[in-house]
Protein backbone atom coordinates (compact mmCIF):
# COMPACT_ATOMS: atom_id res chain seq x y z
CA VAL A 1 10.78 -38.10 11.23
CA LYS A 2 8.19 -40.18 9.46
CA THR A 3 6.48 -37.08 8.14
CA MET A 4 9.78 -35.73 6.79
CA SER A 5 10.62 -38.98 5.09
CA VAL A 6 7.20 -39.11 3.40
CA LEU A 7 7.66 -35.51 2.35
CA LEU A 8 11.07 -36.11 0.82
CA GLU A 9 9.99 -39.32 -0.85
CA CYS A 10 6.95 -37.72 -2.53
CA ALA A 11 8.98 -34.71 -3.60
CA ALA A 12 11.83 -36.84 -4.99
CA ASN A 13 9.48 -39.08 -6.92
CA HIS A 14 7.31 -36.24 -8.18
CA GLN A 15 4.18 -38.06 -6.94
CA SER A 16 1.83 -35.15 -7.31
CA GLU A 17 -1.41 -36.90 -6.14
CA GLU A 18 0.30 -38.29 -3.03
CA TRP A 19 2.06 -34.92 -2.53
CA GLU A 20 -1.21 -32.97 -2.67
CA LEU A 21 -2.90 -35.38 -0.24
CA PHE A 22 0.03 -35.08 2.11
CA ILE A 23 0.45 -31.29 1.95
CA ASN A 24 -3.26 -30.62 2.35
CA GLN A 25 -3.91 -33.31 5.02
CA ARG A 26 -6.39 -32.12 7.63
CA ARG A 27 -6.26 -32.56 11.38
CA SER A 28 -9.08 -34.85 12.42
CA THR A 29 -10.55 -32.60 15.11
CA THR A 30 -9.99 -29.06 13.76
CA LEU A 31 -9.85 -29.79 10.04
CA THR A 32 -6.90 -27.43 9.81
CA THR A 33 -4.09 -28.00 7.32
CA ALA A 34 -0.38 -27.28 7.73
CA LEU A 35 -1.06 -23.95 5.93
CA HIS A 36 -3.73 -23.00 8.52
CA ASP A 37 -1.28 -23.76 11.33
CA ALA A 38 1.68 -21.96 9.77
CA SER A 39 -0.52 -18.95 9.01
CA ALA A 40 -1.82 -18.80 12.59
CA LYS A 41 1.76 -18.88 13.92
CA GLY A 42 3.13 -16.46 11.34
CA ASN A 43 5.70 -18.92 10.05
CA ASP A 44 6.51 -17.07 6.81
CA GLU A 45 9.19 -19.43 5.48
CA LEU A 46 6.96 -22.48 5.91
CA ILE A 47 4.04 -20.69 4.29
CA PHE A 48 6.19 -19.83 1.32
CA LEU A 49 7.20 -23.48 0.93
CA LEU A 50 3.65 -24.75 1.39
CA LEU A 51 2.16 -22.33 -1.09
CA GLU A 52 4.87 -22.94 -3.70
CA ASN A 53 4.33 -26.67 -3.39
CA GLY A 54 0.58 -26.90 -3.75
CA ALA A 55 -1.02 -26.07 -0.42
CA ASP A 56 -4.68 -25.08 -0.77
CA TYR A 57 -4.95 -21.52 0.49
CA LYS A 58 -8.75 -21.71 0.18
CA SER A 59 -9.17 -24.76 2.46
CA LEU A 60 -11.69 -24.44 5.23
CA ASP A 61 -11.34 -25.61 8.84
CA GLN A 62 -14.03 -26.55 11.38
CA PHE A 63 -15.12 -22.87 11.62
CA GLU A 64 -15.10 -22.61 7.81
CA THR A 65 -12.16 -20.20 8.00
CA THR A 66 -9.21 -20.06 5.63
CA PRO A 67 -5.47 -19.83 6.25
CA LEU A 68 -5.74 -16.10 5.37
CA GLN A 69 -8.21 -15.68 8.25
CA HIS A 70 -5.87 -17.55 10.61
CA ALA A 71 -3.05 -15.20 9.70
CA ILE A 72 -5.29 -12.18 10.29
CA VAL A 73 -6.50 -13.40 13.70
CA GLY A 74 -2.91 -14.11 14.63
CA GLY A 75 -1.99 -10.55 13.81
CA HIS A 76 0.40 -11.57 11.01
CA GLU A 77 -0.29 -8.96 8.34
CA ASP A 78 2.82 -9.80 6.29
CA VAL A 79 1.87 -13.47 6.21
CA ALA A 80 -1.71 -12.58 5.22
CA PHE A 81 -0.38 -10.35 2.49
CA ARG A 82 1.80 -13.24 1.15
CA VAL A 83 -1.29 -15.46 0.94
CA LEU A 84 -3.17 -12.70 -0.92
CA ALA A 85 -0.29 -12.10 -3.26
CA TYR A 86 -0.11 -15.83 -3.99
CA ALA A 87 -3.85 -15.92 -4.60
CA LEU A 88 -3.45 -13.14 -7.17
CA ARG A 89 -1.16 -15.34 -9.15
CA ARG A 90 -3.89 -17.96 -9.27
CA HIS A 91 -7.11 -15.93 -9.62
CA ILE A 92 -8.46 -12.78 -11.06
CA LEU A 93 -8.38 -9.67 -8.97
CA GLU A 94 -12.10 -9.62 -8.21
CA ASP A 95 -11.83 -13.06 -6.54
CA VAL A 96 -8.92 -11.92 -4.39
CA ILE A 97 -10.75 -8.74 -3.31
CA GLN A 98 -13.80 -10.80 -2.42
CA MET A 99 -11.62 -13.24 -0.51
CA LEU A 100 -10.11 -10.37 1.50
CA LYS A 101 -13.54 -8.81 2.13
CA GLU A 102 -14.95 -12.13 3.42
CA ALA A 103 -11.83 -12.70 5.56
CA GLY A 104 -12.83 -10.06 8.12
CA GLU A 105 -16.36 -11.11 8.58
CA GLY A 106 -18.72 -14.11 9.05
CA GLU A 107 -19.66 -16.43 11.86
CA GLY A 108 -16.60 -18.67 11.41
CA MET A 109 -14.31 -15.65 11.77
CA ARG A 110 -16.05 -14.57 14.91
CA LYS A 111 -15.73 -18.09 16.37
CA LEU A 112 -12.04 -18.25 15.51
CA ALA A 113 -11.41 -14.83 16.95
CA GLU A 114 -13.26 -15.74 20.12
CA LYS A 115 -11.34 -18.98 20.47
CA ARG A 116 -8.05 -17.06 20.16
CA GLU A 117 -9.32 -14.15 22.30
CA VAL A 118 -8.81 -11.55 19.57
CA GLU A 119 -11.04 -8.52 19.25
CA MET A 120 -12.92 -8.11 15.98
CA GLY A 121 -11.78 -4.43 15.86
CA LYS A 122 -8.17 -5.61 15.63
CA ILE A 123 -9.11 -7.99 12.86
CA GLN A 124 -10.87 -5.25 10.93
CA SER A 125 -7.83 -3.03 11.29
CA ILE A 126 -5.59 -5.72 9.80
CA VAL A 127 -8.03 -6.33 6.94
CA GLU A 128 -8.03 -2.57 6.19
CA GLY A 129 -4.23 -2.52 6.19
CA LEU A 130 -4.20 -5.43 3.80
CA GLU A 131 -6.68 -3.68 1.52
CA ARG A 132 -4.39 -0.62 1.41
CA ARG A 133 -1.29 -2.73 0.67
CA LEU A 134 -3.15 -4.63 -2.04
CA HIS A 135 -4.30 -1.36 -3.63
CA VAL A 136 -0.77 0.08 -3.50
CA GLY A 137 0.63 -3.11 -4.99
CA LEU A 138 -1.84 -3.07 -7.87
CA THR A 139 -1.89 0.61 -8.72
CA ASP A 140 1.39 2.17 -7.69
CA ASN A 141 4.01 -0.41 -7.19
CA LYS A 142 3.71 -3.95 -8.59
CA GLU A 143 7.02 -4.77 -6.99
CA VAL A 144 5.26 -4.84 -3.61
CA LEU A 145 3.30 -7.90 -4.75
CA GLU A 146 6.31 -9.49 -6.43
CA GLU A 147 8.38 -9.02 -3.23
CA ALA A 148 5.65 -10.68 -1.15
CA LEU A 149 5.97 -13.81 -3.33
CA LYS A 150 9.76 -14.11 -2.77
CA LYS A 151 11.26 -15.96 0.10
């Protein structure tokens, strides 16, 4: 209840600094944000709200993994694609492709996958699927990306 009242108060008063601190607040032990948690659980509606209201999709947790990586490990390809599509609105294509490439590899990703008992082969399969969807959205059908940004 307290969290919701702070959320509503910040939003109503357009307190952007307080809002960004609130929305990107990290858990003390895991360093995850609300976006990490929502991505891991595949909560698409919450992810949409968080991204549209300033959540940092590049934030790193204790394993130095991003919300995108949490979505991938959780097996939530649609959620991961939403994060990528949102990133495309903010950055140039090369940055997004690099972000996706790095999402499926690295020590932090291995640690996160091990913690959640997910095989790296499954993660690589999801990353490859995301690469195909991103390519289709960019070359053949821009509506695919636009749809991913809608609620």
